[in-house]
Amino acid sequence: MTIHASWYLTLGAVLFTIGAVGLLVRRNVLVMFMCIELMLNAANLTFVTFARELNDTGGQVAVFFVLVVAAAEVVVGLGVIVAIFRRRVGATADDVHMLKG
């Protein structure tokens, strides 16, 4: 039994939609951060699916670069989130103005 590419693409679309809705609806910065990561992983799944279907390594190279960008985002994003939560417990995305020098 083989799984067709349409199943992977549908799963990627569903994951991306869940991430986008979560990003737009929730105001907690940690949840928003996780939604962005979910969207990046959905894009990675799509890249790998097309790389497999087209027998090309270009999609896998793109996934590598997306993972590098996601790792850099985690470092910077978590630093900002920790700085916000140190000043105010239960901070929301609207509290970013507190970081102004």
PDB file of N, CA and C in Angstrom:
ATOM      1  N   MET A   1       0.842  -1.180   0.000  1.00  0.00           N
ATOM      2  CA  MET A   1       0.000   0.000   0.000  1.00  0.00           C
ATOM      3  C   MET A   1       0.886   1.241   0.000  1.00  0.00           C
ATOM      4  N   THR A   2       0.638   2.132  -0.917  1.00  0.00           N
ATOM      5  CA  THR A   2       1.407   3.370  -0.980  1.00  0.00           C
ATOM      6  C   THR A   2       0.527   4.550  -0.604  1.00  0.00           C
ATOM      7  N   ILE A   3       1.152   5.527  -0.017  1.00  0.00           N
ATOM      8  CA  ILE A   3       0.437   6.755   0.338  1.00  0.00           C
ATOM      9  C   ILE A   3       0.774   7.792  -0.730  1.00  0.00           C
ATOM     10  N   HIS A   4      -0.237   8.366  -1.333  1.00  0.00           N
ATOM     11  CA  HIS A   4      -0.037   9.323  -2.406  1.00  0.00           C
ATOM     12  C   HIS A   4       0.358  10.689  -1.845  1.00  0.00           C
ATOM     13  N   ALA A   5       0.915  11.497  -2.694  1.00  0.00           N
ATOM     14  CA  ALA A   5       1.389  12.820  -2.288  1.00  0.00           C
ATOM     15  C   ALA A   5       0.244  13.717  -1.847  1.00  0.00           C
ATOM     16  N   SER A   6      -0.939  13.471  -2.350  1.00  0.00           N
ATOM     17  CA  SER A   6      -2.077  14.322  -1.975  1.00  0.00           C
ATOM     18  C   SER A   6      -2.380  14.230  -0.490  1.00  0.00           C
ATOM     19  N   TRP A   7      -2.135  13.071   0.111  1.00  0.00           N
ATOM     20  CA  TRP A   7      -2.352  12.938   1.553  1.00  0.00           C
ATOM     21  C   TRP A   7      -1.372  13.803   2.338  1.00  0.00           C
ATOM     22  N   TYR A   8      -0.123  13.803   1.923  1.00  0.00           N
ATOM     23  CA  TYR A   8       0.886  14.631   2.596  1.00  0.00           C
ATOM     24  C   TYR A   8       0.591  16.117   2.417  1.00  0.00           C
ATOM     25  N   LEU A   9       0.178  16.474   1.208  1.00  0.00           N
ATOM     26  CA  LEU A   9      -0.140  17.878   0.947  1.00  0.00           C
ATOM     27  C   LEU A   9      -1.374  18.323   1.723  1.00  0.00           C
ATOM     28  N   THR A  10      -2.348  17.440   1.856  1.00  0.00           N
ATOM     29  CA  THR A  10      -3.531  17.756   2.654  1.00  0.00           C
ATOM     30  C   THR A  10      -3.165  17.915   4.119  1.00  0.00           C
ATOM     31  N   LEU A  11      -2.325  17.029   4.617  1.00  0.00           N
ATOM     32  CA  LEU A  11      -1.869  17.147   6.007  1.00  0.00           C
ATOM     33  C   LEU A  11      -1.096  18.440   6.216  1.00  0.00           C
ATOM     34  N   GLY A  12      -0.235  18.795   5.265  1.00  0.00           N
ATOM     35  CA  GLY A  12       0.501  20.057   5.353  1.00  0.00           C
ATOM     36  C   GLY A  12      -0.426  21.259   5.354  1.00  0.00           C
ATOM     37  N   ALA A  13      -1.459  21.214   4.522  1.00  0.00           N
ATOM     38  CA  ALA A  13      -2.419  22.322   4.471  1.00  0.00           C
ATOM     39  C   ALA A  13      -3.199  22.430   5.772  1.00  0.00           C
ATOM     40  N   VAL A  14      -3.586  21.298   6.335  1.00  0.00           N
ATOM     41  CA  VAL A  14      -4.320  21.315   7.605  1.00  0.00           C
ATOM     42  C   VAL A  14      -3.441  21.853   8.728  1.00  0.00           C
ATOM     43  N   LEU A  15      -2.193  21.393   8.789  1.00  0.00           N
ATOM     44  CA  LEU A  15      -1.281  21.881   9.828  1.00  0.00           C
ATOM     45  C   LEU A  15      -1.015  23.377   9.678  1.00  0.00           C
ATOM     46  N   PHE A  16      -0.839  23.830   8.442  1.00  0.00           N
ATOM     47  CA  PHE A  16      -0.611  25.247   8.212  1.00  0.00           C
ATOM     48  C   PHE A  16      -1.832  26.071   8.604  1.00  0.00           C
ATOM     49  N   THR A  17      -3.016  25.567   8.303  1.00  0.00           N
ATOM     50  CA  THR A  17      -4.246  26.269   8.659  1.00  0.00           C
ATOM     51  C   THR A  17      -4.420  26.344  10.169  1.00  0.00           C
ATOM     52  N   ILE A  18      -4.141  25.252  10.864  1.00  0.00           N
ATOM     53  CA  ILE A  18      -4.221  25.265  12.326  1.00  0.00           C
ATOM     54  C   ILE A  18      -3.246  26.282  12.899  1.00  0.00           C
ATOM     55  N   GLY A  19      -2.038  26.326  12.367  1.00  0.00           N
ATOM     56  CA  GLY A  19      -1.056  27.293  12.834  1.00  0.00           C
ATOM     57  C   GLY A  19      -1.465  28.726  12.556  1.00  0.00           C
ATOM     58  N   ALA A  20      -2.012  28.982  11.368  1.00  0.00           N
ATOM     59  CA  ALA A  20      -2.422  30.340  11.014  1.00  0.00           C
ATOM     60  C   ALA A  20      -3.595  30.808  11.869  1.00  0.00           C
ATOM     61  N   VAL A  21      -4.574  29.932  12.073  1.00  0.00           N
ATOM     62  CA  VAL A  21      -5.716  30.295  12.911  1.00  0.00           C
ATOM     63  C   VAL A  21      -5.258  30.520  14.351  1.00  0.00           C
ATOM     64  N   GLY A  22      -4.397  29.656  14.846  1.00  0.00           N
ATOM     65  CA  GLY A  22      -3.878  29.834  16.209  1.00  0.00           C
ATOM     66  C   GLY A  22      -3.097  31.119  16.357  1.00  0.00           C
ATOM     67  N   LEU A  23      -2.368  31.497  15.335  1.00  0.00           N
ATOM     68  CA  LEU A  23      -1.591  32.735  15.386  1.00  0.00           C
ATOM     69  C   LEU A  23      -2.501  33.959  15.400  1.00  0.00           C
ATOM     70  N   LEU A  24      -3.595  33.897  14.654  1.00  0.00           N
ATOM     71  CA  LEU A  24      -4.504  35.033  14.581  1.00  0.00           C
ATOM     72  C   LEU A  24      -5.438  35.137  15.784  1.00  0.00           C
ATOM     73  N   VAL A  25      -5.762  34.010  16.393  1.00  0.00           N
ATOM     74  CA  VAL A  25      -6.757  33.999  17.467  1.00  0.00           C
ATOM     75  C   VAL A  25      -6.128  34.200  18.842  1.00  0.00           C
ATOM     76  N   ARG A  26      -5.028  33.544  19.106  1.00  0.00           N
ATOM     77  CA  ARG A  26      -4.453  33.565  20.447  1.00  0.00           C
ATOM     78  C   ARG A  26      -3.590  34.800  20.658  1.00  0.00           C
ATOM     79  N   ARG A  27      -3.505  35.280  21.896  1.00  0.00           N
ATOM     80  CA  ARG A  27      -2.697  36.453  22.223  1.00  0.00           C
ATOM     81  C   ARG A  27      -1.492  36.097  23.092  1.00  0.00           C
ATOM     82  N   ASN A  28      -1.416  34.862  23.558  1.00  0.00           N
ATOM     83  CA  ASN A  28      -0.274  34.440  24.366  1.00  0.00           C
ATOM     84  C   ASN A  28       0.937  34.257  23.448  1.00  0.00           C
ATOM     85  N   VAL A  29       2.051  34.875  23.818  1.00  0.00           N
ATOM     86  CA  VAL A  29       3.213  34.844  22.937  1.00  0.00           C
ATOM     87  C   VAL A  29       3.788  33.447  22.769  1.00  0.00           C
ATOM     88  N   LEU A  30       3.734  32.621  23.791  1.00  0.00           N
ATOM     89  CA  LEU A  30       4.254  31.258  23.658  1.00  0.00           C
ATOM     90  C   LEU A  30       3.402  30.438  22.699  1.00  0.00           C
ATOM     91  N   VAL A  31       2.101  30.590  22.779  1.00  0.00           N
ATOM     92  CA  VAL A  31       1.218  29.866  21.862  1.00  0.00           C
ATOM     93  C   VAL A  31       1.419  30.378  20.442  1.00  0.00           C
ATOM     94  N   MET A  32       1.566  31.675  20.280  1.00  0.00           N
ATOM     95  CA  MET A  32       1.817  32.239  18.956  1.00  0.00           C
ATOM     96  C   MET A  32       3.137  31.717  18.382  1.00  0.00           C
ATOM     97  N   PHE A  33       4.127  31.603  19.239  1.00  0.00           N
ATOM     98  CA  PHE A  33       5.427  31.090  18.835  1.00  0.00           C
ATOM     99  C   PHE A  33       5.312  29.634  18.361  1.00  0.00           C
ATOM    100  N   MET A  34       4.551  28.831  19.087  1.00  0.00           N
ATOM    101  CA  MET A  34       4.353  27.435  18.688  1.00  0.00           C
ATOM    102  C   MET A  34       3.572  27.347  17.383  1.00  0.00           C
ATOM    103  N   CYS A  35       2.637  28.264  17.156  1.00  0.00           N
ATOM    104  CA  CYS A  35       1.870  28.262  15.909  1.00  0.00           C
ATOM    105  C   CYS A  35       2.763  28.586  14.712  1.00  0.00           C
ATOM    106  N   ILE A  36       3.701  29.497  14.897  1.00  0.00           N
ATOM    107  CA  ILE A  36       4.648  29.807  13.821  1.00  0.00           C
ATOM    108  C   ILE A  36       5.508  28.587  13.506  1.00  0.00           C
ATOM    109  N   GLU A  37       5.951  27.883  14.536  1.00  0.00           N
ATOM    110  CA  GLU A  37       6.742  26.669  14.317  1.00  0.00           C
ATOM    111  C   GLU A  37       5.910  25.603  13.603  1.00  0.00           C
ATOM    112  N   LEU A  38       4.632  25.504  13.941  1.00  0.00           N
ATOM    113  CA  LEU A  38       3.758  24.544  13.272  1.00  0.00           C
ATOM    114  C   LEU A  38       3.613  24.890  11.793  1.00  0.00           C
ATOM    115  N   MET A  39       3.511  26.163  11.486  1.00  0.00           N
ATOM    116  CA  MET A  39       3.417  26.589  10.092  1.00  0.00           C
ATOM    117  C   MET A  39       4.709  26.283   9.329  1.00  0.00           C
ATOM    118  N   LEU A  40       5.846  26.485   9.970  1.00  0.00           N
ATOM    119  CA  LEU A  40       7.121  26.162   9.316  1.00  0.00           C
ATOM    120  C   LEU A  40       7.243  24.661   9.060  1.00  0.00           C
ATOM    121  N   ASN A  41       6.790  23.848  10.006  1.00  0.00           N
ATOM    122  CA  ASN A  41       6.851  22.399   9.805  1.00  0.00           C
ATOM    123  C   ASN A  41       5.893  21.944   8.709  1.00  0.00           C
ATOM    124  N   ALA A  42       4.755  22.602   8.569  1.00  0.00           N
ATOM    125  CA  ALA A  42       3.845  22.282   7.473  1.00  0.00           C
ATOM    126  C   ALA A  42       4.492  22.612   6.129  1.00  0.00           C
ATOM    127  N   ALA A  43       5.195  23.727   6.067  1.00  0.00           N
ATOM    128  CA  ALA A  43       5.911  24.075   4.831  1.00  0.00           C
ATOM    129  C   ALA A  43       7.011  23.057   4.543  1.00  0.00           C
ATOM    130  N   ASN A  44       7.692  22.600   5.578  1.00  0.00           N
ATOM    131  CA  ASN A  44       8.725  21.577   5.396  1.00  0.00           C
ATOM    132  C   ASN A  44       8.142  20.284   4.846  1.00  0.00           C
ATOM    133  N   LEU A  45       6.986  19.884   5.365  1.00  0.00           N
ATOM    134  CA  LEU A  45       6.330  18.676   4.860  1.00  0.00           C
ATOM    135  C   LEU A  45       5.980  18.818   3.385  1.00  0.00           C
ATOM    136  N   THR A  46       5.541  19.991   2.993  1.00  0.00           N
ATOM    137  CA  THR A  46       5.211  20.237   1.594  1.00  0.00           C
ATOM    138  C   THR A  46       6.460  20.186   0.712  1.00  0.00           C
ATOM    139  N   PHE A  47       7.544  20.803   1.183  1.00  0.00           N
ATOM    140  CA  PHE A  47       8.805  20.759   0.430  1.00  0.00           C
ATOM    141  C   PHE A  47       9.290  19.328   0.229  1.00  0.00           C
ATOM    142  N   VAL A  48       9.248  18.538   1.281  1.00  0.00           N
ATOM    143  CA  VAL A  48       9.722  17.153   1.188  1.00  0.00           C
ATOM    144  C   VAL A  48       8.817  16.335   0.275  1.00  0.00           C
ATOM    145  N   THR A  49       7.524  16.580   0.325  1.00  0.00           N
ATOM    146  CA  THR A  49       6.590  15.857  -0.542  1.00  0.00           C
ATOM    147  C   THR A  49       6.878  16.135  -2.009  1.00  0.00           C
ATOM    148  N   PHE A  50       7.062  17.413  -2.347  1.00  0.00           N
ATOM    149  CA  PHE A  50       7.355  17.736  -3.744  1.00  0.00           C
ATOM    150  C   PHE A  50       8.740  17.234  -4.153  1.00  0.00           C
ATOM    151  N   ALA A  51       9.693  17.238  -3.241  1.00  0.00           N
ATOM    152  CA  ALA A  51      11.025  16.708  -3.560  1.00  0.00           C
ATOM    153  C   ALA A  51      10.942  15.214  -3.866  1.00  0.00           C
ATOM    154  N   ARG A  52      10.114  14.511  -3.119  1.00  0.00           N
ATOM    155  CA  ARG A  52       9.961  13.073  -3.352  1.00  0.00           C
ATOM    156  C   ARG A  52       9.236  12.799  -4.657  1.00  0.00           C
ATOM    157  N   GLU A  53       8.202  13.566  -4.938  1.00  0.00           N
ATOM    158  CA  GLU A  53       7.421  13.344  -6.154  1.00  0.00           C
ATOM    159  C   GLU A  53       8.205  13.701  -7.412  1.00  0.00           C
ATOM    160  N   LEU A  54       9.034  14.713  -7.335  1.00  0.00           N
ATOM    161  CA  LEU A  54       9.783  15.165  -8.508  1.00  0.00           C
ATOM    162  C   LEU A  54      11.177  14.544  -8.605  1.00  0.00           C
ATOM    163  N   ASN A  55      11.530  13.700  -7.641  1.00  0.00           N
ATOM    164  CA  ASN A  55      12.857  13.081  -7.579  1.00  0.00           C
ATOM    165  C   ASN A  55      13.964  14.137  -7.668  1.00  0.00           C
ATOM    166  N   ASP A  56      13.804  15.168  -6.862  1.00  0.00           N
ATOM    167  CA  ASP A  56      14.743  16.282  -6.853  1.00  0.00           C
ATOM    168  C   ASP A  56      15.143  16.559  -5.410  1.00  0.00           C
ATOM    169  N   THR A  57      16.395  16.904  -5.212  1.00  0.00           N
ATOM    170  CA  THR A  57      16.855  17.191  -3.847  1.00  0.00           C
ATOM    171  C   THR A  57      16.682  18.664  -3.481  1.00  0.00           C
ATOM    172  N   GLY A  58      16.173  19.463  -4.390  1.00  0.00           N
ATOM    173  CA  GLY A  58      15.992  20.884  -4.121  1.00  0.00           C
ATOM    174  C   GLY A  58      15.046  21.150  -2.962  1.00  0.00           C
ATOM    175  N   GLY A  59      13.997  20.359  -2.852  1.00  0.00           N
ATOM    176  CA  GLY A  59      13.062  20.518  -1.750  1.00  0.00           C
ATOM    177  C   GLY A  59      13.691  20.190  -0.413  1.00  0.00           C
ATOM    178  N   GLN A  60      14.546  19.185  -0.398  1.00  0.00           N
ATOM    179  CA  GLN A  60      15.216  18.812   0.844  1.00  0.00           C
ATOM    180  C   GLN A  60      16.246  19.860   1.247  1.00  0.00           C
ATOM    181  N   VAL A  61      16.863  20.490   0.277  1.00  0.00           N
ATOM    182  CA  VAL A  61      17.790  21.593   0.578  1.00  0.00           C
ATOM    183  C   VAL A  61      17.013  22.777   1.149  1.00  0.00           C
ATOM    184  N   ALA A  62      15.845  23.046   0.594  1.00  0.00           N
ATOM    185  CA  ALA A  62      15.004  24.124   1.116  1.00  0.00           C
ATOM    186  C   ALA A  62      14.582  23.830   2.549  1.00  0.00           C
ATOM    187  N   VAL A  63      14.270  22.565   2.849  1.00  0.00           N
ATOM    188  CA  VAL A  63      13.910  22.180   4.219  1.00  0.00           C
ATOM    189  C   VAL A  63      15.079  22.437   5.156  1.00  0.00           C
ATOM    190  N   PHE A  64      16.281  22.140   4.706  1.00  0.00           N
ATOM    191  CA  PHE A  64      17.454  22.397   5.540  1.00  0.00           C
ATOM    192  C   PHE A  64      17.562  23.884   5.884  1.00  0.00           C
ATOM    193  N   PHE A  65      17.363  24.755   4.899  1.00  0.00           N
ATOM    194  CA  PHE A  65      17.447  26.186   5.165  1.00  0.00           C
ATOM    195  C   PHE A  65      16.293  26.677   6.038  1.00  0.00           C
ATOM    196  N   VAL A  66      15.115  26.115   5.855  1.00  0.00           N
ATOM    197  CA  VAL A  66      13.989  26.486   6.715  1.00  0.00           C
ATOM    198  C   VAL A  66      14.265  26.075   8.155  1.00  0.00           C
ATOM    199  N   LEU A  67      14.869  24.909   8.350  1.00  0.00           N
ATOM    200  CA  LEU A  67      15.213  24.472   9.710  1.00  0.00           C
ATOM    201  C   LEU A  67      16.273  25.374  10.334  1.00  0.00           C
ATOM    202  N   VAL A  68      17.214  25.851   9.535  1.00  0.00           N
ATOM    203  CA  VAL A  68      18.226  26.775  10.056  1.00  0.00           C
ATOM    204  C   VAL A  68      17.573  28.088  10.468  1.00  0.00           C
ATOM    205  N   VAL A  69      16.673  28.596   9.653  1.00  0.00           N
ATOM    206  CA  VAL A  69      15.965  29.829   9.994  1.00  0.00           C
ATOM    207  C   VAL A  69      15.096  29.623  11.225  1.00  0.00           C
ATOM    208  N   ALA A  70      14.449  28.459  11.334  1.00  0.00           N
ATOM    209  CA  ALA A  70      13.616  28.172  12.502  1.00  0.00           C
ATOM    210  C   ALA A  70      14.461  28.095  13.771  1.00  0.00           C
ATOM    211  N   ALA A  71      15.661  27.535  13.677  1.00  0.00           N
ATOM    212  CA  ALA A  71      16.532  27.477  14.844  1.00  0.00           C
ATOM    213  C   ALA A  71      16.960  28.876  15.277  1.00  0.00           C
ATOM    214  N   ALA A  72      17.271  29.731  14.313  1.00  0.00           N
ATOM    215  CA  ALA A  72      17.619  31.117  14.652  1.00  0.00           C
ATOM    216  C   ALA A  72      16.422  31.844  15.240  1.00  0.00           C
ATOM    217  N   GLU A  73      15.245  31.561  14.718  1.00  0.00           N
ATOM    218  CA  GLU A  73      14.030  32.171  15.250  1.00  0.00           C
ATOM    219  C   GLU A  73      13.784  31.736  16.690  1.00  0.00           C
ATOM    220  N   VAL A  74      14.051  30.478  16.987  1.00  0.00           N
ATOM    221  CA  VAL A  74      13.868  29.989  18.349  1.00  0.00           C
ATOM    222  C   VAL A  74      14.795  30.719  19.308  1.00  0.00           C
ATOM    223  N   VAL A  75      16.021  30.921  18.905  1.00  0.00           N
ATOM    224  CA  VAL A  75      16.977  31.602  19.780  1.00  0.00           C
ATOM    225  C   VAL A  75      16.539  33.036  20.053  1.00  0.00           C
ATOM    226  N   VAL A  76      16.239  33.775  19.013  1.00  0.00           N
ATOM    227  CA  VAL A  76      15.853  35.176  19.179  1.00  0.00           C
ATOM    228  C   VAL A  76      14.465  35.287  19.818  1.00  0.00           C
ATOM    229  N   GLY A  77      13.533  34.493  19.337  1.00  0.00           N
ATOM    230  CA  GLY A  77      12.167  34.557  19.845  1.00  0.00           C
ATOM    231  C   GLY A  77      12.057  34.201  21.312  1.00  0.00           C
ATOM    232  N   LEU A  78      12.721  33.138  21.714  1.00  0.00           N
ATOM    233  CA  LEU A  78      12.661  32.771  23.126  1.00  0.00           C
ATOM    234  C   LEU A  78      13.349  33.803  24.003  1.00  0.00           C
ATOM    235  N   GLY A  79      14.400  34.439  23.496  1.00  0.00           N
ATOM    236  CA  GLY A  79      15.039  35.519  24.254  1.00  0.00           C
ATOM    237  C   GLY A  79      14.089  36.679  24.500  1.00  0.00           C
ATOM    238  N   VAL A  80      13.340  37.053  23.472  1.00  0.00           N
ATOM    239  CA  VAL A  80      12.366  38.136  23.618  1.00  0.00           C
ATOM    240  C   VAL A  80      11.232  37.724  24.544  1.00  0.00           C
ATOM    241  N   ILE A  81      10.758  36.500  24.398  1.00  0.00           N
ATOM    242  CA  ILE A  81       9.665  36.017  25.243  1.00  0.00           C
ATOM    243  C   ILE A  81      10.085  35.966  26.705  1.00  0.00           C
ATOM    244  N   VAL A  82      11.281  35.481  26.973  1.00  0.00           N
ATOM    245  CA  VAL A  82      11.773  35.442  28.357  1.00  0.00           C
ATOM    246  C   VAL A  82      11.907  36.850  28.913  1.00  0.00           C
ATOM    247  N   ALA A  83      12.373  37.792  28.095  1.00  0.00           N
ATOM    248  CA  ALA A  83      12.491  39.178  28.559  1.00  0.00           C
ATOM    249  C   ALA A  83      11.128  39.769  28.896  1.00  0.00           C
ATOM    250  N   ILE A  84      10.122  39.436  28.112  1.00  0.00           N
ATOM    251  CA  ILE A  84       8.768  39.929  28.387  1.00  0.00           C
ATOM    252  C   ILE A  84       8.224  39.308  29.665  1.00  0.00           C
ATOM    253  N   PHE A  85       8.383  38.002  29.822  1.00  0.00           N
ATOM    254  CA  PHE A  85       7.819  37.322  30.981  1.00  0.00           C
ATOM    255  C   PHE A  85       8.562  37.664  32.270  1.00  0.00           C
ATOM    256  N   ARG A  86       9.806  38.106  32.188  1.00  0.00           N
ATOM    257  CA  ARG A  86      10.510  38.536  33.403  1.00  0.00           C
ATOM    258  C   ARG A  86       9.941  39.839  33.940  1.00  0.00           C
ATOM    259  N   ARG A  87       9.482  40.680  33.047  1.00  0.00           N
ATOM    260  CA  ARG A  87       8.920  41.968  33.480  1.00  0.00           C
ATOM    261  C   ARG A  87       7.482  41.843  33.931  1.00  0.00           C
ATOM    262  N   ARG A  88       6.745  40.932  33.319  1.00  0.00           N
ATOM    263  CA  ARG A  88       5.322  40.835  33.618  1.00  0.00           C
ATOM    264  C   ARG A  88       4.845  39.405  33.402  1.00  0.00           C
ATOM    265  N   VAL A  89       4.324  38.804  34.451  1.00  0.00           N
ATOM    266  CA  VAL A  89       3.822  37.433  34.342  1.00  0.00           C
ATOM    267  C   VAL A  89       2.500  37.455  33.582  1.00  0.00           C
ATOM    268  N   GLY A  90       2.325  36.494  32.688  1.00  0.00           N
ATOM    269  CA  GLY A  90       1.098  36.426  31.909  1.00  0.00           C
ATOM    270  C   GLY A  90       1.029  37.485  30.822  1.00  0.00           C
ATOM    271  N   ALA A  91       2.152  37.839  30.280  1.00  0.00           N
ATOM    272  CA  ALA A  91       2.196  38.873  29.245  1.00  0.00           C
ATOM    273  C   ALA A  91       1.557  38.363  27.959  1.00  0.00           C
ATOM    274  N   THR A  92       1.001  39.295  27.199  1.00  0.00           N
ATOM    275  CA  THR A  92       0.403  38.965  25.906  1.00  0.00           C
ATOM    276  C   THR A  92       1.213  39.621  24.796  1.00  0.00           C
ATOM    277  N   ALA A  93       0.790  39.413  23.566  1.00  0.00           N
ATOM    278  CA  ALA A  93       1.507  39.978  22.424  1.00  0.00           C
ATOM    279  C   ALA A  93       1.422  41.502  22.410  1.00  0.00           C
ATOM    280  N   ASP A  94       0.431  42.066  23.081  1.00  0.00           N
ATOM    281  CA  ASP A  94       0.288  43.522  23.131  1.00  0.00           C
ATOM    282  C   ASP A  94       1.307  44.170  24.069  1.00  0.00           C
ATOM    283  N   ASP A  95       2.010  43.389  24.854  1.00  0.00           N
ATOM    284  CA  ASP A  95       2.952  43.911  25.841  1.00  0.00           C
ATOM    285  C   ASP A  95       4.372  44.056  25.286  1.00  0.00           C
ATOM    286  N   VAL A  96       4.554  43.951  24.000  1.00  0.00           N
ATOM    287  CA  VAL A  96       5.888  44.073  23.403  1.00  0.00           C
ATOM    288  C   VAL A  96       6.422  45.491  23.554  1.00  0.00           C
ATOM    289  N   HIS A  97       5.530  46.470  23.673  1.00  0.00           N
ATOM    290  CA  HIS A  97       5.965  47.851  23.829  1.00  0.00           C
ATOM    291  C   HIS A  97       6.762  48.054  25.128  1.00  0.00           C
ATOM    292  N   MET A  98       6.705  47.117  26.062  1.00  0.00           N
ATOM    293  CA  MET A  98       7.469  47.212  27.303  1.00  0.00           C
ATOM    294  C   MET A  98       8.961  47.075  27.065  1.00  0.00           C
ATOM    295  N   LEU A  99       9.372  46.513  25.948  1.00  0.00           N
ATOM    296  CA  LEU A  99      10.775  46.266  25.675  1.00  0.00           C
ATOM    297  C   LEU A  99      11.506  47.494  25.144  1.00  0.00           C
ATOM    298  N   LYS A 100      10.790  48.589  24.920  1.00  0.00           N
ATOM    299  CA  LYS A 100      11.452  49.791  24.425  1.00  0.00           C
ATOM    300  C   LYS A 100      12.417  50.319  25.480  1.00  0.00           C
ATOM    301  N   GLY A 101      13.583  50.740  25.005  1.00  0.00           N
ATOM    302  CA  GLY A 101      14.641  51.206  25.900  1.00  0.00           C
ATOM    303  C   GLY A 101      14.371  52.522  26.426  1.00  0.00           C
TER     304      GLY A 101
END
